[in-house]
PDB file of N, CA and C in Angstrom:
ATOM      1  N   SER A   1     -28.103   0.449 -34.284  1.00  0.00           N
ATOM      2  CA  SER A   1     -29.067   1.292 -33.601  1.00  0.00           C
ATOM      3  C   SER A   1     -29.003   1.036 -32.095  1.00  0.00           C
ATOM      4  N   GLY A   2     -28.973   2.126 -31.336  1.00  0.00           N
ATOM      5  CA  GLY A   2     -28.948   1.995 -29.886  1.00  0.00           C
ATOM      6  C   GLY A   2     -27.617   1.592 -29.300  1.00  0.00           C
ATOM      7  N   GLN A   3     -26.569   1.508 -30.120  1.00  0.00           N
ATOM      8  CA  GLN A   3     -25.269   1.075 -29.621  1.00  0.00           C
ATOM      9  C   GLN A   3     -24.192   2.144 -29.776  1.00  0.00           C
ATOM     10  N   VAL A   4     -24.580   3.359 -30.139  1.00  0.00           N
ATOM     11  CA  VAL A   4     -23.604   4.425 -30.313  1.00  0.00           C
ATOM     12  C   VAL A   4     -23.924   5.579 -29.370  1.00  0.00           C
ATOM     13  N   ARG A   5     -22.908   6.397 -29.122  1.00  0.00           N
ATOM     14  CA  ARG A   5     -23.078   7.604 -28.317  1.00  0.00           C
ATOM     15  C   ARG A   5     -21.922   8.524 -28.651  1.00  0.00           C
ATOM     16  N   GLY A   6     -22.187   9.799 -28.772  1.00  0.00           N
ATOM     17  CA  GLY A   6     -21.119  10.746 -29.050  1.00  0.00           C
ATOM     18  C   GLY A   6     -21.620  11.959 -29.786  1.00  0.00           C
ATOM     19  N   LEU A   7     -20.722  12.615 -30.511  1.00  0.00           N
ATOM     20  CA  LEU A   7     -21.079  13.844 -31.214  1.00  0.00           C
ATOM     21  C   LEU A   7     -22.146  13.628 -32.271  1.00  0.00           C
ATOM     22  N   CYS A   8     -22.297  12.429 -32.763  1.00  0.00           N
ATOM     23  CA  CYS A   8     -23.319  12.144 -33.777  1.00  0.00           C
ATOM     24  C   CYS A   8     -24.638  11.701 -33.150  1.00  0.00           C
ATOM     25  N   GLY A   9     -24.753  11.713 -31.849  1.00  0.00           N
ATOM     26  CA  GLY A   9     -25.997  11.351 -31.182  1.00  0.00           C
ATOM     27  C   GLY A   9     -26.009   9.912 -30.710  1.00  0.00           C
ATOM     28  N   THR A  10     -27.206   9.445 -30.345  1.00  0.00           N
ATOM     29  CA  THR A  10     -27.358   8.116 -29.784  1.00  0.00           C
ATOM     30  C   THR A  10     -27.963   7.109 -30.757  1.00  0.00           C
ATOM     31  N   PHE A  11     -28.625   7.595 -31.797  1.00  0.00           N
ATOM     32  CA  PHE A  11     -29.233   6.739 -32.820  1.00  0.00           C
ATOM     33  C   PHE A  11     -30.129   5.675 -32.202  1.00  0.00           C
ATOM     34  N   ASN A  12     -31.012   6.127 -31.280  1.00  0.00           N
ATOM     35  CA  ASN A  12     -31.938   5.187 -30.655  1.00  0.00           C
ATOM     36  C   ASN A  12     -33.397   5.584 -30.866  1.00  0.00           C
ATOM     37  N   GLY A  13     -33.633   6.605 -31.688  1.00  0.00           N
ATOM     38  CA  GLY A  13     -34.991   7.039 -31.976  1.00  0.00           C
ATOM     39  C   GLY A  13     -35.560   8.015 -30.960  1.00  0.00           C
ATOM     40  N   ASP A  14     -34.820   8.319 -29.903  1.00  0.00           N
ATOM     41  CA  ASP A  14     -35.272   9.254 -28.872  1.00  0.00           C
ATOM     42  C   ASP A  14     -34.441  10.527 -28.967  1.00  0.00           C
ATOM     43  N   GLN A  15     -35.014  11.580 -29.529  1.00  0.00           N
ATOM     44  CA  GLN A  15     -34.261  12.820 -29.724  1.00  0.00           C
ATOM     45  C   GLN A  15     -33.971  13.553 -28.420  1.00  0.00           C
ATOM     46  N   ARG A  16     -34.616  13.179 -27.336  1.00  0.00           N
ATOM     47  CA  ARG A  16     -34.387  13.865 -26.062  1.00  0.00           C
ATOM     48  C   ARG A  16     -33.012  13.573 -25.482  1.00  0.00           C
ATOM     49  N   ASP A  17     -32.353  12.510 -25.916  1.00  0.00           N
ATOM     50  CA  ASP A  17     -31.036  12.181 -25.355  1.00  0.00           C
ATOM     51  C   ASP A  17     -29.902  12.316 -26.371  1.00  0.00           C
ATOM     52  N   GLU A  18     -30.126  13.064 -27.427  1.00  0.00           N
ATOM     53  CA  GLU A  18     -29.088  13.225 -28.450  1.00  0.00           C
ATOM     54  C   GLU A  18     -27.852  13.943 -27.931  1.00  0.00           C
ATOM     55  N   PHE A  19     -27.999  14.811 -26.950  1.00  0.00           N
ATOM     56  CA  PHE A  19     -26.865  15.571 -26.425  1.00  0.00           C
ATOM     57  C   PHE A  19     -26.304  14.922 -25.158  1.00  0.00           C
ATOM     58  N   THR A  20     -26.124  13.610 -25.166  1.00  0.00           N
ATOM     59  CA  THR A  20     -25.560  12.894 -24.020  1.00  0.00           C
ATOM     60  C   THR A  20     -24.043  13.028 -24.032  1.00  0.00           C
ATOM     61  N   THR A  21     -23.488  13.490 -22.920  1.00  0.00           N
ATOM     62  CA  THR A  21     -22.047  13.717 -22.803  1.00  0.00           C
ATOM     63  C   THR A  21     -21.329  12.407 -22.473  1.00  0.00           C
ATOM     64  N   PRO A  22     -19.993  12.398 -22.535  1.00  0.00           N
ATOM     65  CA  PRO A  22     -19.246  11.195 -22.163  1.00  0.00           C
ATOM     66  C   PRO A  22     -19.522  10.748 -20.714  1.00  0.00           C
ATOM     67  N   GLU A  23     -19.909  11.700 -19.857  1.00  0.00           N
ATOM     68  CA  GLU A  23     -20.203  11.369 -18.464  1.00  0.00           C
ATOM     69  C   GLU A  23     -21.618  10.829 -18.293  1.00  0.00           C
ATOM     70  N   GLY A  24     -22.436  10.859 -19.365  1.00  0.00           N
ATOM     71  CA  GLY A  24     -23.795  10.356 -19.287  1.00  0.00           C
ATOM     72  C   GLY A  24     -24.843  11.421 -19.008  1.00  0.00           C
ATOM     73  N   ASP A  25     -24.412  12.685 -18.869  1.00  0.00           N
ATOM     74  CA  ASP A  25     -25.357  13.783 -18.656  1.00  0.00           C
ATOM     75  C   ASP A  25     -25.983  14.164 -19.992  1.00  0.00           C
ATOM     76  N   VAL A  26     -27.204  14.683 -19.959  1.00  0.00           N
ATOM     77  CA  VAL A  26     -27.853  15.187 -21.165  1.00  0.00           C
ATOM     78  C   VAL A  26     -27.853  16.704 -21.080  1.00  0.00           C
ATOM     79  N   GLU A  27     -27.141  17.339 -22.008  1.00  0.00           N
ATOM     80  CA  GLU A  27     -27.039  18.795 -22.035  1.00  0.00           C
ATOM     81  C   GLU A  27     -28.207  19.389 -22.811  1.00  0.00           C
ATOM     82  N   PRO A  28     -28.725  20.535 -22.365  1.00  0.00           N
ATOM     83  CA  PRO A  28     -29.850  21.150 -23.069  1.00  0.00           C
ATOM     84  C   PRO A  28     -29.444  21.953 -24.311  1.00  0.00           C
ATOM     85  N   GLY A  29     -28.167  22.336 -24.402  1.00  0.00           N
ATOM     86  CA  GLY A  29     -27.743  23.186 -25.516  1.00  0.00           C
ATOM     87  C   GLY A  29     -26.540  22.640 -26.251  1.00  0.00           C
ATOM     88  N   VAL A  30     -26.369  23.132 -27.471  1.00  0.00           N
ATOM     89  CA  VAL A  30     -25.291  22.682 -28.353  1.00  0.00           C
ATOM     90  C   VAL A  30     -23.914  23.015 -27.785  1.00  0.00           C
ATOM     91  N   ALA A  31     -23.740  24.243 -27.286  1.00  0.00           N
ATOM     92  CA  ALA A  31     -22.415  24.671 -26.826  1.00  0.00           C
ATOM     93  C   ALA A  31     -21.927  23.821 -25.654  1.00  0.00           C
ATOM     94  N   ALA A  32     -22.765  23.604 -24.664  1.00  0.00           N
ATOM     95  CA  ALA A  32     -22.359  22.795 -23.506  1.00  0.00           C
ATOM     96  C   ALA A  32     -22.065  21.365 -23.931  1.00  0.00           C
ATOM     97  N   PHE A  33     -22.853  20.835 -24.858  1.00  0.00           N
ATOM     98  CA  PHE A  33     -22.631  19.476 -25.348  1.00  0.00           C
ATOM     99  C   PHE A  33     -21.292  19.377 -26.067  1.00  0.00           C
ATOM    100  N   ALA A  34     -21.019  20.306 -26.975  1.00  0.00           N
ATOM    101  CA  ALA A  34     -19.757  20.288 -27.721  1.00  0.00           C
ATOM    102  C   ALA A  34     -18.572  20.471 -26.792  1.00  0.00           C
ATOM    103  N   ASN A  35     -18.699  21.350 -25.805  1.00  0.00           N
ATOM    104  CA  ASN A  35     -17.605  21.584 -24.863  1.00  0.00           C
ATOM    105  C   ASN A  35     -17.291  20.334 -24.037  1.00  0.00           C
ATOM    106  N   ALA A  36     -18.271  19.462 -23.832  1.00  0.00           N
ATOM    107  CA  ALA A  36     -18.035  18.233 -23.074  1.00  0.00           C
ATOM    108  C   ALA A  36     -17.085  17.294 -23.811  1.00  0.00           C
ATOM    109  N   PHE A  37     -16.986  17.429 -25.130  1.00  0.00           N
ATOM    110  CA  PHE A  37     -16.107  16.579 -25.926  1.00  0.00           C
ATOM    111  C   PHE A  37     -14.796  17.276 -26.284  1.00  0.00           C
ATOM    112  N   ARG A  38     -14.630  18.512 -25.880  1.00  0.00           N
ATOM    113  CA  ARG A  38     -13.453  19.298 -26.230  1.00  0.00           C
ATOM    114  C   ARG A  38     -12.235  18.795 -25.478  1.00  0.00           C
ATOM    115  N   ALA A  39     -11.138  18.609 -26.183  1.00  0.00           N
ATOM    116  CA  ALA A  39      -9.876  18.227 -25.547  1.00  0.00           C
ATOM    117  C   ALA A  39      -9.289  19.463 -24.872  1.00  0.00           C
ATOM    118  N   ALA A  40      -8.923  19.342 -23.623  1.00  0.00           N
ATOM    119  CA  ALA A  40      -8.404  20.473 -22.861  1.00  0.00           C
ATOM    120  C   ALA A  40      -7.232  21.127 -23.579  1.00  0.00           C
ATOM    121  N   GLY A  41      -7.334  22.415 -23.800  1.00  0.00           N
ATOM    122  CA  GLY A  41      -6.262  23.180 -24.423  1.00  0.00           C
ATOM    123  C   GLY A  41      -6.199  23.066 -25.931  1.00  0.00           C
ATOM    124  N   ALA A  42      -7.000  22.206 -26.542  1.00  0.00           N
ATOM    125  CA  ALA A  42      -6.919  22.010 -27.987  1.00  0.00           C
ATOM    126  C   ALA A  42      -7.587  23.140 -28.767  1.00  0.00           C
ATOM    127  N   CYS A  43      -8.634  23.707 -28.216  1.00  0.00           N
ATOM    128  CA  CYS A  43      -9.346  24.785 -28.891  1.00  0.00           C
ATOM    129  C   CYS A  43     -10.160  25.536 -27.842  1.00  0.00           C
ATOM    130  N   PRO A  44     -10.557  26.772 -28.147  1.00  0.00           N
ATOM    131  CA  PRO A  44     -11.327  27.532 -27.163  1.00  0.00           C
ATOM    132  C   PRO A  44     -12.726  26.935 -26.971  1.00  0.00           C
ATOM    133  N   ALA A  45     -13.252  27.089 -25.775  1.00  0.00           N
ATOM    134  CA  ALA A  45     -14.609  26.618 -25.483  1.00  0.00           C
ATOM    135  C   ALA A  45     -15.618  27.468 -26.247  1.00  0.00           C
ATOM    136  N   LEU A  46     -16.712  26.847 -26.646  1.00  0.00           N
ATOM    137  CA  LEU A  46     -17.782  27.576 -27.306  1.00  0.00           C
ATOM    138  C   LEU A  46     -18.559  28.382 -26.290  1.00  0.00           C
ATOM    139  N   GLY A  47     -19.001  29.561 -26.705  1.00  0.00           N
ATOM    140  CA  GLY A  47     -19.852  30.384 -25.854  1.00  0.00           C
ATOM    141  C   GLY A  47     -21.293  29.910 -25.972  1.00  0.00           C
ATOM    142  N   PRO A  48     -22.211  30.639 -25.352  1.00  0.00           N
ATOM    143  CA  PRO A  48     -23.610  30.197 -25.374  1.00  0.00           C
ATOM    144  C   PRO A  48     -24.258  30.289 -26.755  1.00  0.00           C
ATOM    145  N   GLY A  49     -23.759  31.168 -27.614  1.00  0.00           N
ATOM    146  CA  GLY A  49     -24.325  31.293 -28.960  1.00  0.00           C
ATOM    147  C   GLY A  49     -23.664  30.315 -29.919  1.00  0.00           C
ATOM    148  N   ILE A  50     -24.355  29.968 -30.976  1.00  0.00           N
ATOM    149  CA  ILE A  50     -23.800  29.071 -31.986  1.00  0.00           C
ATOM    150  C   ILE A  50     -23.106  29.933 -33.053  1.00  0.00           C
ATOM    151  N   PRO A  51     -21.799  29.731 -33.258  1.00  0.00           N
ATOM    152  CA  PRO A  51     -21.098  30.559 -34.250  1.00  0.00           C
ATOM    153  C   PRO A  51     -21.571  30.233 -35.669  1.00  0.00           C
ATOM    154  N   ASP A  52     -21.560  31.236 -36.501  1.00  0.00           N
ATOM    155  CA  ASP A  52     -21.924  31.046 -37.906  1.00  0.00           C
ATOM    156  C   ASP A  52     -20.710  30.462 -38.617  1.00  0.00           C
ATOM    157  N   PRO A  53     -20.795  29.247 -39.167  1.00  0.00           N
ATOM    158  CA  PRO A  53     -19.626  28.621 -39.784  1.00  0.00           C
ATOM    159  C   PRO A  53     -19.100  29.388 -40.988  1.00  0.00           C
ATOM    160  N   CYS A  54     -19.918  30.190 -41.621  1.00  0.00           N
ATOM    161  CA  CYS A  54     -19.468  30.943 -42.788  1.00  0.00           C
ATOM    162  C   CYS A  54     -18.588  32.132 -42.412  1.00  0.00           C
ATOM    163  N   ASP A  55     -18.658  32.593 -41.155  1.00  0.00           N
ATOM    164  CA  ASP A  55     -17.858  33.747 -40.745  1.00  0.00           C
ATOM    165  C   ASP A  55     -16.367  33.483 -40.850  1.00  0.00           C
ATOM    166  N   GLY A  56     -15.933  32.261 -40.647  1.00  0.00           N
ATOM    167  CA  GLY A  56     -14.513  31.925 -40.687  1.00  0.00           C
ATOM    168  C   GLY A  56     -13.984  31.631 -42.071  1.00  0.00           C
ATOM    169  N   PHE A  57     -14.849  31.557 -43.057  1.00  0.00           N
ATOM    170  CA  PHE A  57     -14.445  31.188 -44.409  1.00  0.00           C
ATOM    171  C   PHE A  57     -15.071  32.138 -45.433  1.00  0.00           C
ATOM    172  N   PRO A  58     -14.377  33.237 -45.740  1.00  0.00           N
ATOM    173  CA  PRO A  58     -14.928  34.196 -46.701  1.00  0.00           C
ATOM    174  C   PRO A  58     -15.276  33.519 -48.027  1.00  0.00           C
ATOM    175  N   GLY A  59     -16.423  33.847 -48.554  1.00  0.00           N
ATOM    176  CA  GLY A  59     -16.867  33.277 -49.823  1.00  0.00           C
ATOM    177  C   GLY A  59     -17.656  32.001 -49.666  1.00  0.00           C
ATOM    178  N   SER A  60     -17.635  31.410 -48.492  1.00  0.00           N
ATOM    179  CA  SER A  60     -18.345  30.149 -48.286  1.00  0.00           C
ATOM    180  C   SER A  60     -19.857  30.320 -48.255  1.00  0.00           C
ATOM    181  N   ARG A  61     -20.313  31.470 -47.791  1.00  0.00           N
ATOM    182  CA  ARG A  61     -21.756  31.684 -47.676  1.00  0.00           C
ATOM    183  C   ARG A  61     -22.433  31.535 -49.032  1.00  0.00           C
ATOM    184  N   GLU A  62     -21.846  32.120 -50.073  1.00  0.00           N
ATOM    185  CA  GLU A  62     -22.447  32.049 -51.406  1.00  0.00           C
ATOM    186  C   GLU A  62     -22.491  30.604 -51.911  1.00  0.00           C
ATOM    187  N   ARG A  63     -21.400  29.856 -51.712  1.00  0.00           N
ATOM    188  CA  ARG A  63     -21.373  28.451 -52.132  1.00  0.00           C
ATOM    189  C   ARG A  63     -22.374  27.619 -51.335  1.00  0.00           C
ATOM    190  N   ALA A  64     -22.473  27.879 -50.041  1.00  0.00           N
ATOM    191  CA  ALA A  64     -23.410  27.136 -49.195  1.00  0.00           C
ATOM    192  C   ALA A  64     -24.852  27.429 -49.593  1.00  0.00           C
ATOM    193  N   GLU A  65     -25.152  28.687 -49.841  1.00  0.00           N
ATOM    194  CA  GLU A  65     -26.515  29.047 -50.234  1.00  0.00           C
ATOM    195  C   GLU A  65     -26.877  28.440 -51.579  1.00  0.00           C
ATOM    196  N   ALA A  66     -25.920  28.370 -52.503  1.00  0.00           N
ATOM    197  CA  ALA A  66     -26.182  27.757 -53.808  1.00  0.00           C
ATOM    198  C   ALA A  66     -26.429  26.258 -53.655  1.00  0.00           C
ATOM    199  N   ALA A  67     -25.644  25.593 -52.799  1.00  0.00           N
ATOM    200  CA  ALA A  67     -25.831  24.160 -52.578  1.00  0.00           C
ATOM    201  C   ALA A  67     -27.161  23.884 -51.891  1.00  0.00           C
ATOM    202  N   CYS A  68     -27.517  24.704 -50.920  1.00  0.00           N
ATOM    203  CA  CYS A  68     -28.787  24.519 -50.220  1.00  0.00           C
ATOM    204  C   CYS A  68     -29.969  24.795 -51.135  1.00  0.00           C
ATOM    205  N   ALA A  69     -29.809  25.725 -52.070  1.00  0.00           N
ATOM    206  CA  ALA A  69     -30.893  26.022 -53.005  1.00  0.00           C
ATOM    207  C   ALA A  69     -31.253  24.784 -53.816  1.00  0.00           C
ATOM    208  N   VAL A  70     -30.254  23.988 -54.167  1.00  0.00           N
ATOM    209  CA  VAL A  70     -30.514  22.748 -54.898  1.00  0.00           C
ATOM    210  C   VAL A  70     -31.300  21.780 -54.019  1.00  0.00           C
ATOM    211  N   LEU A  71     -30.870  21.629 -52.772  1.00  0.00           N
ATOM    212  CA  LEU A  71     -31.540  20.698 -51.855  1.00  0.00           C
ATOM    213  C   LEU A  71     -32.955  21.147 -51.501  1.00  0.00           C
ATOM    214  N   LEU A  72     -33.166  22.455 -51.473  1.00  0.00           N
ATOM    215  CA  LEU A  72     -34.489  22.982 -51.141  1.00  0.00           C
ATOM    216  C   LEU A  72     -35.363  23.203 -52.378  1.00  0.00           C
ATOM    217  N   GLY A  73     -34.809  22.934 -53.547  1.00  0.00           N
ATOM    218  CA  GLY A  73     -35.509  23.150 -54.806  1.00  0.00           C
ATOM    219  C   GLY A  73     -36.526  22.068 -55.140  1.00  0.00           C
ATOM    220  N   PRO A  74     -37.145  22.210 -56.294  1.00  0.00           N
ATOM    221  CA  PRO A  74     -38.217  21.285 -56.677  1.00  0.00           C
ATOM    222  C   PRO A  74     -37.762  19.831 -56.855  1.00  0.00           C
ATOM    223  N   ALA A  75     -36.511  19.597 -57.170  1.00  0.00           N
ATOM    224  CA  ALA A  75     -36.038  18.222 -57.388  1.00  0.00           C
ATOM    225  C   ALA A  75     -36.160  17.378 -56.116  1.00  0.00           C
ATOM    226  N   PHE A  76     -36.095  18.009 -54.946  1.00  0.00           N
ATOM    227  CA  PHE A  76     -36.133  17.264 -53.682  1.00  0.00           C
ATOM    228  C   PHE A  76     -37.434  17.473 -52.904  1.00  0.00           C
ATOM    229  N   GLN A  77     -38.443  18.026 -53.530  1.00  0.00           N
ATOM    230  CA  GLN A  77     -39.707  18.252 -52.814  1.00  0.00           C
ATOM    231  C   GLN A  77     -40.671  17.118 -53.015  1.00  0.00           C
TER     232      GLN A  77
END
């Protein structure tokens, strides 16, 4: 606890600094935070909107919704 930093957050109990970049800046949004860790030329930069992960994988939405239904169901309430 309190000894990590990166894409998984800071794990220090303070959610205000979860989007800390490698340079030590705290980004207000997901896209800017993710772009701070992007390797130059490895992939396109994210835009201001958050892409829907199911758009790139046809058929995934149904599987994801079924899995989430279990987690949101009575067994986990």
